[in-house]
Amino acid sequence: MTKLEYVRREAGLSQIELAKRIGINSTAIVQVERGHRKCWPKLRKQLAQILEVEEVNLFDEEGWPKKVRIDVRGE
């Protein structure tokens, strides 16, 4: 899972809702969240603002979404 997906879910937003707030197609959110494409600078800024986090927490220096490990066993 990417940090983008994790933070979006924690904010209670669907991919469609997030995309609508930015004014883009939800396919772009899906592709970035799954790590199939880099996130362009303008979109990184918009996502960070809407999700109220710093860009560097969501993306690496090249625009790829950072990964987060979720331990479902609670350990």
PDB file of N, CA and C in Angstrom:
ATOM      1  N   MET A   1       0.847  -1.174   0.000  1.00  0.00           N
ATOM      2  CA  MET A   1       0.000   0.000   0.000  1.00  0.00           C
ATOM      3  C   MET A   1       0.893   1.238   0.000  1.00  0.00           C
ATOM      4  N   THR A   2       0.461   2.261  -0.703  1.00  0.00           N
ATOM      5  CA  THR A   2       1.221   3.506  -0.705  1.00  0.00           C
ATOM      6  C   THR A   2       0.732   4.412   0.420  1.00  0.00           C
ATOM      7  N   LYS A   3       1.594   5.342   0.797  1.00  0.00           N
ATOM      8  CA  LYS A   3       1.200   6.303   1.829  1.00  0.00           C
ATOM      9  C   LYS A   3       0.039   7.156   1.341  1.00  0.00           C
ATOM     10  N   LEU A   4       0.011   7.440   0.043  1.00  0.00           N
ATOM     11  CA  LEU A   4      -1.097   8.210  -0.518  1.00  0.00           C
ATOM     12  C   LEU A   4      -2.413   7.498  -0.266  1.00  0.00           C
ATOM     13  N   GLU A   5      -2.472   6.216  -0.579  1.00  0.00           N
ATOM     14  CA  GLU A   5      -3.699   5.453  -0.368  1.00  0.00           C
ATOM     15  C   GLU A   5      -4.056   5.412   1.117  1.00  0.00           C
ATOM     16  N   TYR A   6      -3.064   5.175   1.957  1.00  0.00           N
ATOM     17  CA  TYR A   6      -3.298   5.091   3.391  1.00  0.00           C
ATOM     18  C   TYR A   6      -3.872   6.402   3.946  1.00  0.00           C
ATOM     19  N   VAL A   7      -3.240   7.510   3.585  1.00  0.00           N
ATOM     20  CA  VAL A   7      -3.693   8.813   4.086  1.00  0.00           C
ATOM     21  C   VAL A   7      -5.076   9.147   3.525  1.00  0.00           C
ATOM     22  N   ARG A   8      -5.304   8.832   2.268  1.00  0.00           N
ATOM     23  CA  ARG A   8      -6.620   9.089   1.657  1.00  0.00           C
ATOM     24  C   ARG A   8      -7.706   8.323   2.399  1.00  0.00           C
ATOM     25  N   ARG A   9      -7.447   7.049   2.666  1.00  0.00           N
ATOM     26  CA  ARG A   9      -8.436   6.239   3.387  1.00  0.00           C
ATOM     27  C   ARG A   9      -8.655   6.762   4.803  1.00  0.00           C
ATOM     28  N   GLU A  10      -7.574   7.155   5.463  1.00  0.00           N
ATOM     29  CA  GLU A  10      -7.696   7.703   6.822  1.00  0.00           C
ATOM     30  C   GLU A  10      -8.535   8.985   6.821  1.00  0.00           C
ATOM     31  N   ALA A  11      -8.478   9.722   5.719  1.00  0.00           N
ATOM     32  CA  ALA A  11      -9.263  10.953   5.584  1.00  0.00           C
ATOM     33  C   ALA A  11     -10.719  10.661   5.224  1.00  0.00           C
ATOM     34  N   GLY A  12     -11.018   9.394   4.956  1.00  0.00           N
ATOM     35  CA  GLY A  12     -12.387   9.005   4.624  1.00  0.00           C
ATOM     36  C   GLY A  12     -12.814   9.364   3.215  1.00  0.00           C
ATOM     37  N   LEU A  13     -11.838   9.468   2.318  1.00  0.00           N
ATOM     38  CA  LEU A  13     -12.134   9.832   0.932  1.00  0.00           C
ATOM     39  C   LEU A  13     -11.961   8.639   0.000  1.00  0.00           C
ATOM     40  N   SER A  14     -12.848   8.528  -0.954  1.00  0.00           N
ATOM     41  CA  SER A  14     -12.671   7.524  -2.007  1.00  0.00           C
ATOM     42  C   SER A  14     -11.765   8.126  -3.076  1.00  0.00           C
ATOM     43  N   GLN A  15     -11.283   7.279  -3.967  1.00  0.00           N
ATOM     44  CA  GLN A  15     -10.465   7.775  -5.075  1.00  0.00           C
ATOM     45  C   GLN A  15     -11.274   8.734  -5.937  1.00  0.00           C
ATOM     46  N   ILE A  16     -12.537   8.431  -6.126  1.00  0.00           N
ATOM     47  CA  ILE A  16     -13.410   9.279  -6.943  1.00  0.00           C
ATOM     48  C   ILE A  16     -13.618  10.637  -6.283  1.00  0.00           C
ATOM     49  N   GLU A  17     -13.873  10.647  -4.966  1.00  0.00           N
ATOM     50  CA  GLU A  17     -14.061  11.908  -4.252  1.00  0.00           C
ATOM     51  C   GLU A  17     -12.808  12.775  -4.305  1.00  0.00           C
ATOM     52  N   LEU A  18     -11.657  12.144  -4.106  1.00  0.00           N
ATOM     53  CA  LEU A  18     -10.395  12.879  -4.144  1.00  0.00           C
ATOM     54  C   LEU A  18     -10.159  13.469  -5.527  1.00  0.00           C
ATOM     55  N   ALA A  19     -10.396  12.678  -6.546  1.00  0.00           N
ATOM     56  CA  ALA A  19     -10.214  13.151  -7.925  1.00  0.00           C
ATOM     57  C   ALA A  19     -11.147  14.309  -8.242  1.00  0.00           C
ATOM     58  N   LYS A  20     -12.388  14.235  -7.788  1.00  0.00           N
ATOM     59  CA  LYS A  20     -13.342  15.321  -8.030  1.00  0.00           C
ATOM     60  C   LYS A  20     -12.894  16.617  -7.369  1.00  0.00           C
ATOM     61  N   ARG A  21     -12.339  16.526  -6.179  1.00  0.00           N
ATOM     62  CA  ARG A  21     -11.872  17.732  -5.481  1.00  0.00           C
ATOM     63  C   ARG A  21     -10.749  18.426  -6.245  1.00  0.00           C
ATOM     64  N   ILE A  22      -9.957  17.623  -6.955  1.00  0.00           N
ATOM     65  CA  ILE A  22      -8.830  18.173  -7.713  1.00  0.00           C
ATOM     66  C   ILE A  22      -9.254  18.558  -9.125  1.00  0.00           C
ATOM     67  N   GLY A  23     -10.277  17.879  -9.633  1.00  0.00           N
ATOM     68  CA  GLY A  23     -10.742  18.159 -10.983  1.00  0.00           C
ATOM     69  C   GLY A  23     -10.059  17.303 -12.036  1.00  0.00           C
ATOM     70  N   ILE A  24      -9.723  16.062 -11.652  1.00  0.00           N
ATOM     71  CA  ILE A  24      -9.091  15.130 -12.592  1.00  0.00           C
ATOM     72  C   ILE A  24      -9.889  13.836 -12.620  1.00  0.00           C
ATOM     73  N   ASN A  25      -9.534  12.972 -13.541  1.00  0.00           N
ATOM     74  CA  ASN A  25     -10.159  11.659 -13.640  1.00  0.00           C
ATOM     75  C   ASN A  25      -9.600  10.758 -12.543  1.00  0.00           C
ATOM     76  N   SER A  26     -10.446   9.957 -11.942  1.00  0.00           N
ATOM     77  CA  SER A  26     -10.011   9.086 -10.849  1.00  0.00           C
ATOM     78  C   SER A  26      -8.979   8.055 -11.301  1.00  0.00           C
ATOM     79  N   THR A  27      -8.900   7.787 -12.592  1.00  0.00           N
ATOM     80  CA  THR A  27      -7.906   6.852 -13.116  1.00  0.00           C
ATOM     81  C   THR A  27      -6.495   7.304 -12.760  1.00  0.00           C
ATOM     82  N   ALA A  28      -6.261   8.601 -12.771  1.00  0.00           N
ATOM     83  CA  ALA A  28      -4.928   9.115 -12.415  1.00  0.00           C
ATOM     84  C   ALA A  28      -4.596   8.788 -10.967  1.00  0.00           C
ATOM     85  N   ILE A  29      -5.567   8.919 -10.076  1.00  0.00           N
ATOM     86  CA  ILE A  29      -5.352   8.592  -8.663  1.00  0.00           C
ATOM     87  C   ILE A  29      -5.045   7.115  -8.515  1.00  0.00           C
ATOM     88  N   VAL A  30      -5.809   6.278  -9.199  1.00  0.00           N
ATOM     89  CA  VAL A  30      -5.609   4.826  -9.149  1.00  0.00           C
ATOM     90  C   VAL A  30      -4.203   4.468  -9.602  1.00  0.00           C
ATOM     91  N   GLN A  31      -3.767   5.013 -10.720  1.00  0.00           N
ATOM     92  CA  GLN A  31      -2.454   4.693 -11.268  1.00  0.00           C
ATOM     93  C   GLN A  31      -1.322   5.122 -10.348  1.00  0.00           C
ATOM     94  N   VAL A  32      -1.459   6.288  -9.735  1.00  0.00           N
ATOM     95  CA  VAL A  32      -0.426   6.760  -8.820  1.00  0.00           C
ATOM     96  C   VAL A  32      -0.425   5.914  -7.557  1.00  0.00           C
ATOM     97  N   GLU A  33      -1.602   5.656  -6.994  1.00  0.00           N
ATOM     98  CA  GLU A  33      -1.687   4.855  -5.768  1.00  0.00           C
ATOM     99  C   GLU A  33      -1.109   3.456  -5.951  1.00  0.00           C
ATOM    100  N   ARG A  34      -1.289   2.884  -7.100  1.00  0.00           N
ATOM    101  CA  ARG A  34      -0.778   1.529  -7.368  1.00  0.00           C
ATOM    102  C   ARG A  34       0.682   1.518  -7.790  1.00  0.00           C
ATOM    103  N   GLY A  35       1.271   2.698  -7.937  1.00  0.00           N
ATOM    104  CA  GLY A  35       2.671   2.787  -8.316  1.00  0.00           C
ATOM    105  C   GLY A  35       2.921   2.513  -9.784  1.00  0.00           C
ATOM    106  N   HIS A  36       1.890   2.682 -10.622  1.00  0.00           N
ATOM    107  CA  HIS A  36       2.033   2.450 -12.064  1.00  0.00           C
ATOM    108  C   HIS A  36       2.559   3.675 -12.795  1.00  0.00           C
ATOM    109  N   ARG A  37       2.492   4.841 -12.135  1.00  0.00           N
ATOM    110  CA  ARG A  37       3.010   6.054 -12.757  1.00  0.00           C
ATOM    111  C   ARG A  37       3.460   7.026 -11.682  1.00  0.00           C
ATOM    112  N   LYS A  38       4.389   7.890 -12.070  1.00  0.00           N
ATOM    113  CA  LYS A  38       4.838   8.948 -11.170  1.00  0.00           C
ATOM    114  C   LYS A  38       3.749  10.013 -11.103  1.00  0.00           C
ATOM    115  N   CYS A  39       3.796  10.758 -10.044  1.00  0.00           N
ATOM    116  CA  CYS A  39       2.847  11.850  -9.860  1.00  0.00           C
ATOM    117  C   CYS A  39       3.516  13.150 -10.279  1.00  0.00           C
ATOM    118  N   TRP A  40       2.885  13.900 -11.171  1.00  0.00           N
ATOM    119  CA  TRP A  40       3.483  15.142 -11.640  1.00  0.00           C
ATOM    120  C   TRP A  40       3.416  16.203 -10.528  1.00  0.00           C
ATOM    121  N   PRO A  41       4.319  17.173 -10.566  1.00  0.00           N
ATOM    122  CA  PRO A  41       4.461  18.139  -9.462  1.00  0.00           C
ATOM    123  C   PRO A  41       3.180  18.864  -9.035  1.00  0.00           C
ATOM    124  N   LYS A  42       2.406  19.338  -9.981  1.00  0.00           N
ATOM    125  CA  LYS A  42       1.176  20.066  -9.634  1.00  0.00           C
ATOM    126  C   LYS A  42       0.212  19.161  -8.874  1.00  0.00           C
ATOM    127  N   LEU A  43       0.082  17.920  -9.316  1.00  0.00           N
ATOM    128  CA  LEU A  43      -0.825  16.982  -8.654  1.00  0.00           C
ATOM    129  C   LEU A  43      -0.310  16.622  -7.265  1.00  0.00           C
ATOM    130  N   ARG A  44       1.002  16.463  -7.120  1.00  0.00           N
ATOM    131  CA  ARG A  44       1.575  16.183  -5.792  1.00  0.00           C
ATOM    132  C   ARG A  44       1.206  17.278  -4.809  1.00  0.00           C
ATOM    133  N   LYS A  45       1.333  18.509  -5.249  1.00  0.00           N
ATOM    134  CA  LYS A  45       1.012  19.643  -4.387  1.00  0.00           C
ATOM    135  C   LYS A  45      -0.465  19.649  -4.015  1.00  0.00           C
ATOM    136  N   GLN A  46      -1.330  19.420  -4.984  1.00  0.00           N
ATOM    137  CA  GLN A  46      -2.771  19.421  -4.736  1.00  0.00           C
ATOM    138  C   GLN A  46      -3.169  18.290  -3.778  1.00  0.00           C
ATOM    139  N   LEU A  47      -2.628  17.115  -3.997  1.00  0.00           N
ATOM    140  CA  LEU A  47      -2.941  15.979  -3.131  1.00  0.00           C
ATOM    141  C   LEU A  47      -2.508  16.254  -1.691  1.00  0.00           C
ATOM    142  N   ALA A  48      -1.316  16.769  -1.537  1.00  0.00           N
ATOM    143  CA  ALA A  48      -0.798  17.072  -0.200  1.00  0.00           C
ATOM    144  C   ALA A  48      -1.664  18.123   0.496  1.00  0.00           C
ATOM    145  N   GLN A  49      -2.092  19.126  -0.232  1.00  0.00           N
ATOM    146  CA  GLN A  49      -2.932  20.164   0.360  1.00  0.00           C
ATOM    147  C   GLN A  49      -4.280  19.606   0.799  1.00  0.00           C
ATOM    148  N   ILE A  50      -4.916  18.854  -0.055  1.00  0.00           N
ATOM    149  CA  ILE A  50      -6.230  18.295   0.272  1.00  0.00           C
ATOM    150  C   ILE A  50      -6.139  17.323   1.445  1.00  0.00           C
ATOM    151  N   LEU A  51      -5.088  16.509   1.460  1.00  0.00           N
ATOM    152  CA  LEU A  51      -4.930  15.507   2.512  1.00  0.00           C
ATOM    153  C   LEU A  51      -4.242  16.069   3.758  1.00  0.00           C
ATOM    154  N   GLU A  52      -3.840  17.329   3.680  1.00  0.00           N
ATOM    155  CA  GLU A  52      -3.228  18.046   4.807  1.00  0.00           C
ATOM    156  C   GLU A  52      -1.973  17.357   5.345  1.00  0.00           C
ATOM    157  N   VAL A  53      -1.095  16.997   4.406  1.00  0.00           N
ATOM    158  CA  VAL A  53       0.205  16.417   4.742  1.00  0.00           C
ATOM    159  C   VAL A  53       1.262  17.057   3.850  1.00  0.00           C
ATOM    160  N   GLU A  54       2.515  16.896   4.221  1.00  0.00           N
ATOM    161  CA  GLU A  54       3.616  17.397   3.401  1.00  0.00           C
ATOM    162  C   GLU A  54       3.838  16.458   2.215  1.00  0.00           C
ATOM    163  N   GLU A  55       4.170  17.034   1.071  1.00  0.00           N
ATOM    164  CA  GLU A  55       4.449  16.229  -0.129  1.00  0.00           C
ATOM    165  C   GLU A  55       5.501  15.158   0.139  1.00  0.00           C
ATOM    166  N   VAL A  56       6.537  15.513   0.880  1.00  0.00           N
ATOM    167  CA  VAL A  56       7.644  14.579   1.121  1.00  0.00           C
ATOM    168  C   VAL A  56       7.202  13.349   1.917  1.00  0.00           C
ATOM    169  N   ASN A  57       6.062  13.438   2.579  1.00  0.00           N
ATOM    170  CA  ASN A  57       5.531  12.277   3.297  1.00  0.00           C
ATOM    171  C   ASN A  57       4.835  11.298   2.365  1.00  0.00           C
ATOM    172  N   LEU A  58       4.411  11.781   1.205  1.00  0.00           N
ATOM    173  CA  LEU A  58       3.668  10.947   0.261  1.00  0.00           C
ATOM    174  C   LEU A  58       4.505  10.445  -0.911  1.00  0.00           C
ATOM    175  N   PHE A  59       5.476  11.280  -1.346  1.00  0.00           N
ATOM    176  CA  PHE A  59       6.208  10.985  -2.581  1.00  0.00           C
ATOM    177  C   PHE A  59       7.713  11.104  -2.399  1.00  0.00           C
ATOM    178  N   ASP A  60       8.451  10.303  -3.190  1.00  0.00           N
ATOM    179  CA  ASP A  60       9.902  10.447  -3.175  1.00  0.00           C
ATOM    180  C   ASP A  60      10.283  11.630  -4.068  1.00  0.00           C
ATOM    181  N   GLU A  61      11.578  11.895  -4.172  1.00  0.00           N
ATOM    182  CA  GLU A  61      12.048  13.062  -4.922  1.00  0.00           C
ATOM    183  C   GLU A  61      11.753  12.990  -6.413  1.00  0.00           C
ATOM    184  N   GLU A  62      11.471  11.810  -6.935  1.00  0.00           N
ATOM    185  CA  GLU A  62      11.155  11.661  -8.357  1.00  0.00           C
ATOM    186  C   GLU A  62       9.656  11.682  -8.639  1.00  0.00           C
ATOM    187  N   GLY A  63       8.850  11.675  -7.579  1.00  0.00           N
ATOM    188  CA  GLY A  63       7.401  11.713  -7.770  1.00  0.00           C
ATOM    189  C   GLY A  63       6.708  10.375  -7.615  1.00  0.00           C
ATOM    190  N   TRP A  64       7.463   9.337  -7.276  1.00  0.00           N
ATOM    191  CA  TRP A  64       6.853   8.028  -7.054  1.00  0.00           C
ATOM    192  C   TRP A  64       6.238   7.989  -5.660  1.00  0.00           C
ATOM    193  N   PRO A  65       5.074   7.348  -5.517  1.00  0.00           N
ATOM    194  CA  PRO A  65       4.450   7.275  -4.196  1.00  0.00           C
ATOM    195  C   PRO A  65       5.272   6.394  -3.246  1.00  0.00           C
ATOM    196  N   LYS A  66       5.409   6.859  -2.015  1.00  0.00           N
ATOM    197  CA  LYS A  66       6.117   6.075  -1.005  1.00  0.00           C
ATOM    198  C   LYS A  66       5.223   4.938  -0.533  1.00  0.00           C
ATOM    199  N   LYS A  67       5.857   3.857  -0.142  1.00  0.00           N
ATOM    200  CA  LYS A  67       5.136   2.682   0.355  1.00  0.00           C
ATOM    201  C   LYS A  67       5.008   2.751   1.875  1.00  0.00           C
ATOM    202  N   VAL A  68       3.988   2.101   2.374  1.00  0.00           N
ATOM    203  CA  VAL A  68       3.795   1.976   3.809  1.00  0.00           C
ATOM    204  C   VAL A  68       3.452   0.519   4.087  1.00  0.00           C
ATOM    205  N   ARG A  69       4.008   0.009   5.162  1.00  0.00           N
ATOM    206  CA  ARG A  69       3.728  -1.382   5.527  1.00  0.00           C
ATOM    207  C   ARG A  69       2.688  -1.373   6.627  1.00  0.00           C
ATOM    208  N   ILE A  70       1.613  -2.077   6.379  1.00  0.00           N
ATOM    209  CA  ILE A  70       0.533  -2.186   7.348  1.00  0.00           C
ATOM    210  C   ILE A  70       0.563  -3.594   7.907  1.00  0.00           C
ATOM    211  N   ASP A  71       0.700  -3.684   9.226  1.00  0.00           N
ATOM    212  CA  ASP A  71       0.706  -4.998   9.883  1.00  0.00           C
ATOM    213  C   ASP A  71      -0.715  -5.305  10.317  1.00  0.00           C
ATOM    214  N   VAL A  72      -1.372  -6.198   9.600  1.00  0.00           N
ATOM    215  CA  VAL A  72      -2.768  -6.524   9.870  1.00  0.00           C
ATOM    216  C   VAL A  72      -2.926  -7.431  11.087  1.00  0.00           C
ATOM    217  N   ARG A  73      -1.830  -7.988  11.569  1.00  0.00           N
ATOM    218  CA  ARG A  73      -1.904  -8.879  12.735  1.00  0.00           C
ATOM    219  C   ARG A  73      -1.819  -8.103  14.039  1.00  0.00           C
ATOM    220  N   GLY A  74      -1.517  -6.824  13.971  1.00  0.00           N
ATOM    221  CA  GLY A  74      -1.451  -5.992  15.156  1.00  0.00           C
ATOM    222  C   GLY A  74      -0.185  -6.179  15.979  1.00  0.00           C
ATOM    223  N   GLU A  75       0.838  -6.712  15.355  1.00  0.00           N
ATOM    224  CA  GLU A  75       2.108  -6.937  16.067  1.00  0.00           C
ATOM    225  C   GLU A  75       3.000  -5.732  15.970  1.00  0.00           C
TER     226      GLU A  75
END
